[in-house]
């Protein structure tokens, strides 16, 4: 099963609330944030300059830098 990519930040925030864990992967040109729920893995790509502010707004149980 493939991960589901989300493009809307508000929608991803709602998903992150019910996620077991959120992982942050920092690449050269983009930051990927992955939310693991019971059934699916959801991902969103954000710009590196927006990433820290966006991560602070997430209400995820556990946030892990990968």
PDB file of N, CA and C in Angstrom:
ATOM      1  N   UNK A   1       0.841  -1.184   0.000  1.00  0.00           N
ATOM      2  CA  UNK A   1       0.000   0.000   0.000  1.00  0.00           C
ATOM      3  C   UNK A   1       0.884   1.245   0.000  1.00  0.00           C
ATOM      4  N   UNK A   2       0.529   2.203  -0.810  1.00  0.00           N
ATOM      5  CA  UNK A   2       1.325   3.421  -0.959  1.00  0.00           C
ATOM      6  C   UNK A   2       0.899   4.475   0.069  1.00  0.00           C
ATOM      7  N   UNK A   3       1.853   5.329   0.475  1.00  0.00           N
ATOM      8  CA  UNK A   3       1.487   6.446   1.353  1.00  0.00           C
ATOM      9  C   UNK A   3       0.579   7.430   0.606  1.00  0.00           C
ATOM     10  N   UNK A   4      -0.192   8.171   1.353  1.00  0.00           N
ATOM     11  CA  UNK A   4      -1.106   9.145   0.762  1.00  0.00           C
ATOM     12  C   UNK A   4      -0.503  10.529   0.960  1.00  0.00           C
ATOM     13  N   UNK A   5      -0.286  11.251  -0.152  1.00  0.00           N
ATOM     14  CA  UNK A   5       0.276  12.594  -0.047  1.00  0.00           C
ATOM     15  C   UNK A   5      -0.854  13.607   0.098  1.00  0.00           C
ATOM     16  N   UNK A   6      -0.703  14.475   1.084  1.00  0.00           N
ATOM     17  CA  UNK A   6      -1.680  15.524   1.372  1.00  0.00           C
ATOM     18  C   UNK A   6      -1.062  16.850   0.935  1.00  0.00           C
ATOM     19  N   UNK A   7      -1.862  17.717   0.326  1.00  0.00           N
ATOM     20  CA  UNK A   7      -1.355  19.003  -0.153  1.00  0.00           C
ATOM     21  C   UNK A   7      -1.870  20.175   0.682  1.00  0.00           C
ATOM     22  N   UNK A   8      -2.923  19.946   1.462  1.00  0.00           N
ATOM     23  CA  UNK A   8      -3.528  21.001   2.276  1.00  0.00           C
ATOM     24  C   UNK A   8      -3.003  20.916   3.708  1.00  0.00           C
ATOM     25  N   UNK A   9      -2.416  21.999   4.201  1.00  0.00           N
ATOM     26  CA  UNK A   9      -1.813  21.994   5.544  1.00  0.00           C
ATOM     27  C   UNK A   9      -2.848  21.788   6.644  1.00  0.00           C
ATOM     28  N   UNK A  10      -4.026  22.388   6.490  1.00  0.00           N
ATOM     29  CA  UNK A  10      -5.071  22.238   7.510  1.00  0.00           C
ATOM     30  C   UNK A  10      -5.530  20.789   7.614  1.00  0.00           C
ATOM     31  N   UNK A  11      -5.686  20.155   6.485  1.00  0.00           N
ATOM     32  CA  UNK A  11      -6.104  18.752   6.471  1.00  0.00           C
ATOM     33  C   UNK A  11      -5.043  17.878   7.144  1.00  0.00           C
ATOM     34  N   UNK A  12      -3.758  18.184   6.883  1.00  0.00           N
ATOM     35  CA  UNK A  12      -2.679  17.402   7.485  1.00  0.00           C
ATOM     36  C   UNK A  12      -2.643  17.594   9.003  1.00  0.00           C
ATOM     37  N   UNK A  13      -2.942  18.806   9.475  1.00  0.00           N
ATOM     38  CA  UNK A  13      -2.979  19.053  10.931  1.00  0.00           C
ATOM     39  C   UNK A  13      -4.025  18.172  11.609  1.00  0.00           C
ATOM     40  N   UNK A  14      -5.179  18.020  10.974  1.00  0.00           N
ATOM     41  CA  UNK A  14      -6.245  17.172  11.534  1.00  0.00           C
ATOM     42  C   UNK A  14      -5.818  15.711  11.567  1.00  0.00           C
ATOM     43  N   UNK A  15      -5.148  15.275  10.510  1.00  0.00           N
ATOM     44  CA  UNK A  15      -4.659  13.890  10.455  1.00  0.00           C
ATOM     45  C   UNK A  15      -3.598  13.669  11.530  1.00  0.00           C
ATOM     46  N   UNK A  16      -2.718  14.647  11.725  1.00  0.00           N
ATOM     47  CA  UNK A  16      -1.624  14.521  12.699  1.00  0.00           C
ATOM     48  C   UNK A  16      -2.150  14.371  14.125  1.00  0.00           C
ATOM     49  N   UNK A  17      -3.317  14.930  14.418  1.00  0.00           N
ATOM     50  CA  UNK A  17      -3.894  14.808  15.759  1.00  0.00           C
ATOM     51  C   UNK A  17      -4.194  13.359  16.117  1.00  0.00           C
ATOM     52  N   UNK A  18      -4.594  12.567  15.121  1.00  0.00           N
ATOM     53  CA  UNK A  18      -4.907  11.164  15.398  1.00  0.00           C
ATOM     54  C   UNK A  18      -3.753  10.222  15.055  1.00  0.00           C
ATOM     55  N   UNK A  19      -2.612  10.776  14.674  1.00  0.00           N
ATOM     56  CA  UNK A  19      -1.458   9.951  14.294  1.00  0.00           C
ATOM     57  C   UNK A  19      -0.753   9.387  15.520  1.00  0.00           C
ATOM     58  N   UNK A  20      -0.195   8.204  15.349  1.00  0.00           N
ATOM     59  CA  UNK A  20       0.587   7.555  16.401  1.00  0.00           C
ATOM     60  C   UNK A  20       1.935   8.256  16.529  1.00  0.00           C
ATOM     61  N   UNK A  21       2.512   8.619  15.378  1.00  0.00           N
ATOM     62  CA  UNK A  21       3.835   9.242  15.359  1.00  0.00           C
ATOM     63  C   UNK A  21       3.967  10.106  14.110  1.00  0.00           C
ATOM     64  N   UNK A  22       4.710  11.208  14.239  1.00  0.00           N
ATOM     65  CA  UNK A  22       5.034  12.050  13.089  1.00  0.00           C
ATOM     66  C   UNK A  22       6.543  12.056  12.921  1.00  0.00           C
ATOM     67  N   UNK A  23       6.987  11.864  11.698  1.00  0.00           N
ATOM     68  CA  UNK A  23       8.422  11.859  11.405  1.00  0.00           C
ATOM     69  C   UNK A  23       8.750  13.020  10.495  1.00  0.00           C
ATOM     70  N   UNK A  24       9.887  13.663  10.763  1.00  0.00           N
ATOM     71  CA  UNK A  24      10.332  14.804   9.976  1.00  0.00           C
ATOM     72  C   UNK A  24      11.616  14.409   9.265  1.00  0.00           C
ATOM     73  N   UNK A  25      11.604  14.474   7.943  1.00  0.00           N
ATOM     74  CA  UNK A  25      12.795  14.147   7.153  1.00  0.00           C
ATOM     75  C   UNK A  25      13.197  15.392   6.380  1.00  0.00           C
ATOM     76  N   UNK A  26      14.374  15.919   6.710  1.00  0.00           N
ATOM     77  CA  UNK A  26      14.870  17.138   6.064  1.00  0.00           C
ATOM     78  C   UNK A  26      15.785  16.770   4.898  1.00  0.00           C
ATOM     79  N   UNK A  27      15.371  17.158   3.704  1.00  0.00           N
ATOM     80  CA  UNK A  27      16.165  16.941   2.498  1.00  0.00           C
ATOM     81  C   UNK A  27      16.737  18.286   2.043  1.00  0.00           C
ATOM     82  N   UNK A  28      17.459  18.311   0.936  1.00  0.00           N
ATOM     83  CA  UNK A  28      18.100  19.548   0.472  1.00  0.00           C
ATOM     84  C   UNK A  28      17.101  20.656   0.178  1.00  0.00           C
ATOM     85  N   UNK A  29      16.093  20.346  -0.624  1.00  0.00           N
ATOM     86  CA  UNK A  29      15.184  21.381  -1.106  1.00  0.00           C
ATOM     87  C   UNK A  29      13.788  21.336  -0.501  1.00  0.00           C
ATOM     88  N   UNK A  30      13.517  20.318   0.335  1.00  0.00           N
ATOM     89  CA  UNK A  30      12.162  20.165   0.875  1.00  0.00           C
ATOM     90  C   UNK A  30      12.228  19.423   2.214  1.00  0.00           C
ATOM     91  N   UNK A  31      11.206  19.628   3.035  1.00  0.00           N
ATOM     92  CA  UNK A  31      11.085  18.888   4.293  1.00  0.00           C
ATOM     93  C   UNK A  31       9.830  18.038   4.185  1.00  0.00           C
ATOM     94  N   UNK A  32       9.984  16.736   4.389  1.00  0.00           N
ATOM     95  CA  UNK A  32       8.846  15.820   4.345  1.00  0.00           C
ATOM     96  C   UNK A  32       8.408  15.528   5.770  1.00  0.00           C
ATOM     97  N   UNK A  33       7.121  15.634   6.012  1.00  0.00           N
ATOM     98  CA  UNK A  33       6.568  15.289   7.314  1.00  0.00           C
ATOM     99  C   UNK A  33       5.615  14.123   7.086  1.00  0.00           C
ATOM    100  N   UNK A  34       5.828  13.063   7.844  1.00  0.00           N
ATOM    101  CA  UNK A  34       5.051  11.838   7.667  1.00  0.00           C
ATOM    102  C   UNK A  34       4.253  11.564   8.934  1.00  0.00           C
ATOM    103  N   UNK A  35       2.972  11.335   8.783  1.00  0.00           N
ATOM    104  CA  UNK A  35       2.097  11.036   9.916  1.00  0.00           C
ATOM    105  C   UNK A  35       1.627   9.589   9.799  1.00  0.00           C
ATOM    106  N   UNK A  36       1.978   8.778  10.776  1.00  0.00           N
ATOM    107  CA  UNK A  36       1.602   7.359  10.778  1.00  0.00           C
ATOM    108  C   UNK A  36       0.325   7.190  11.595  1.00  0.00           C
ATOM    109  N   UNK A  37      -0.756   6.841  10.924  1.00  0.00           N
ATOM    110  CA  UNK A  37      -1.996   6.528  11.633  1.00  0.00           C
ATOM    111  C   UNK A  37      -2.132   5.012  11.682  1.00  0.00           C
ATOM    112  N   UNK A  38      -3.204   4.559  12.285  1.00  0.00           N
ATOM    113  CA  UNK A  38      -3.404   3.122  12.427  1.00  0.00           C
ATOM    114  C   UNK A  38      -3.470   2.422  11.066  1.00  0.00           C
ATOM    115  N   UNK A  39      -4.079   3.079  10.101  1.00  0.00           N
ATOM    116  CA  UNK A  39      -4.313   2.439   8.810  1.00  0.00           C
ATOM    117  C   UNK A  39      -3.376   2.898   7.690  1.00  0.00           C
ATOM    118  N   UNK A  40      -3.072   4.195   7.621  1.00  0.00           N
ATOM    119  CA  UNK A  40      -2.302   4.743   6.508  1.00  0.00           C
ATOM    120  C   UNK A  40      -1.108   5.561   6.986  1.00  0.00           C
ATOM    121  N   UNK A  41      -0.187   5.800   6.043  1.00  0.00           N
ATOM    122  CA  UNK A  41       0.912   6.737   6.246  1.00  0.00           C
ATOM    123  C   UNK A  41       0.610   7.941   5.359  1.00  0.00           C
ATOM    124  N   UNK A  42       0.497   9.113   5.963  1.00  0.00           N
ATOM    125  CA  UNK A  42       0.217  10.337   5.224  1.00  0.00           C
ATOM    126  C   UNK A  42       1.483  11.171   5.179  1.00  0.00           C
ATOM    127  N   UNK A  43       1.741  11.824   4.044  1.00  0.00           N
ATOM    128  CA  UNK A  43       2.928  12.662   3.919  1.00  0.00           C
ATOM    129  C   UNK A  43       2.537  14.038   3.403  1.00  0.00           C
ATOM    130  N   UNK A  44       3.361  15.015   3.750  1.00  0.00           N
ATOM    131  CA  UNK A  44       3.218  16.364   3.204  1.00  0.00           C
ATOM    132  C   UNK A  44       4.623  16.906   2.988  1.00  0.00           C
ATOM    133  N   UNK A  45       4.792  17.689   1.936  1.00  0.00           N
ATOM    134  CA  UNK A  45       6.075  18.328   1.651  1.00  0.00           C
ATOM    135  C   UNK A  45       5.916  19.817   1.913  1.00  0.00           C
ATOM    136  N   UNK A  46       6.852  20.383   2.672  1.00  0.00           N
ATOM    137  CA  UNK A  46       6.834  21.821   2.938  1.00  0.00           C
ATOM    138  C   UNK A  46       8.218  22.399   2.655  1.00  0.00           C
ATOM    139  N   UNK A  47       8.263  23.705   2.432  1.00  0.00           N
ATOM    140  CA  UNK A  47       9.536  24.381   2.181  1.00  0.00           C
ATOM    141  C   UNK A  47      10.336  24.425   3.478  1.00  0.00           C
ATOM    142  N   UNK A  48      11.662  24.333   3.389  1.00  0.00           N
ATOM    143  CA  UNK A  48      12.492  24.333   4.610  1.00  0.00           C
ATOM    144  C   UNK A  48      12.273  25.556   5.506  1.00  0.00           C
ATOM    145  N   UNK A  49      12.022  26.721   4.911  1.00  0.00           N
ATOM    146  CA  UNK A  49      11.830  27.931   5.722  1.00  0.00           C
ATOM    147  C   UNK A  49      10.482  27.943   6.447  1.00  0.00           C
ATOM    148  N   UNK A  50       9.510  27.173   5.965  1.00  0.00           N
ATOM    149  CA  UNK A  50       8.194  27.100   6.609  1.00  0.00           C
ATOM    150  C   UNK A  50       8.076  25.916   7.569  1.00  0.00           C
ATOM    151  N   UNK A  51       9.018  25.000   7.508  1.00  0.00           N
ATOM    152  CA  UNK A  51       8.895  23.720   8.209  1.00  0.00           C
ATOM    153  C   UNK A  51       8.798  23.865   9.724  1.00  0.00           C
ATOM    154  N   UNK A  52       9.703  24.627  10.340  1.00  0.00           N
ATOM    155  CA  UNK A  52       9.720  24.717  11.800  1.00  0.00           C
ATOM    156  C   UNK A  52       8.425  25.295  12.355  1.00  0.00           C
ATOM    157  N   UNK A  53       7.896  26.324  11.705  1.00  0.00           N
ATOM    158  CA  UNK A  53       6.625  26.907  12.144  1.00  0.00           C
ATOM    159  C   UNK A  53       5.489  25.899  12.005  1.00  0.00           C
ATOM    160  N   UNK A  54       5.490  25.166  10.915  1.00  0.00           N
ATOM    161  CA  UNK A  54       4.433  24.175  10.671  1.00  0.00           C
ATOM    162  C   UNK A  54       4.504  23.041  11.687  1.00  0.00           C
ATOM    163  N   UNK A  55       5.706  22.580  12.003  1.00  0.00           N
ATOM    164  CA  UNK A  55       5.880  21.486  12.966  1.00  0.00           C
ATOM    165  C   UNK A  55       5.382  21.903  14.349  1.00  0.00           C
ATOM    166  N   UNK A  56       5.598  23.162  14.717  1.00  0.00           N
ATOM    167  CA  UNK A  56       5.134  23.657  16.021  1.00  0.00           C
ATOM    168  C   UNK A  56       3.609  23.632  16.136  1.00  0.00           C
ATOM    169  N   UNK A  57       2.913  23.748  15.013  1.00  0.00           N
ATOM    170  CA  UNK A  57       1.445  23.768  15.049  1.00  0.00           C
ATOM    171  C   UNK A  57       0.841  22.368  15.071  1.00  0.00           C
ATOM    172  N   UNK A  58       1.647  21.338  14.841  1.00  0.00           N
ATOM    173  CA  UNK A  58       1.131  19.963  14.834  1.00  0.00           C
ATOM    174  C   UNK A  58       0.884  19.469  16.253  1.00  0.00           C
ATOM    175  N   UNK A  59      -0.238  18.805  16.450  1.00  0.00           N
ATOM    176  CA  UNK A  59      -0.566  18.231  17.758  1.00  0.00           C
ATOM    177  C   UNK A  59      -0.391  16.715  17.696  1.00  0.00           C
ATOM    178  N   UNK A  60       0.775  16.312  17.275  1.00  0.00           N
ATOM    179  CA  UNK A  60       1.093  14.893  17.128  1.00  0.00           C
ATOM    180  C   UNK A  60       1.583  14.360  18.476  1.00  0.00           C
ATOM    181  N   UNK A  61       1.265  13.099  18.780  1.00  0.00           N
ATOM    182  CA  UNK A  61       1.683  12.505  20.060  1.00  0.00           C
ATOM    183  C   UNK A  61       3.195  12.498  20.211  1.00  0.00           C
ATOM    184  N   UNK A  62       3.885  12.135  19.122  1.00  0.00           N
ATOM    185  CA  UNK A  62       5.338  12.016  19.166  1.00  0.00           C
ATOM    186  C   UNK A  62       5.907  12.527  17.851  1.00  0.00           C
ATOM    187  N   UNK A  63       6.868  13.440  17.925  1.00  0.00           N
ATOM    188  CA  UNK A  63       7.510  13.961  16.720  1.00  0.00           C
ATOM    189  C   UNK A  63       8.969  13.520  16.740  1.00  0.00           C
ATOM    190  N   UNK A  64       9.393  12.850  15.664  1.00  0.00           N
ATOM    191  CA  UNK A  64      10.741  12.289  15.583  1.00  0.00           C
ATOM    192  C   UNK A  64      11.450  12.878  14.369  1.00  0.00           C
ATOM    193  N   UNK A  65      12.670  13.386  14.576  1.00  0.00           N
ATOM    194  CA  UNK A  65      13.503  13.849  13.457  1.00  0.00           C
ATOM    195  C   UNK A  65      14.247  12.643  12.901  1.00  0.00           C
ATOM    196  N   UNK A  66      14.138  12.416  11.598  1.00  0.00           N
ATOM    197  CA  UNK A  66      14.799  11.260  10.972  1.00  0.00           C
ATOM    198  C   UNK A  66      15.982  11.738  10.156  1.00  0.00           C
TER     199      UNK A  66
END
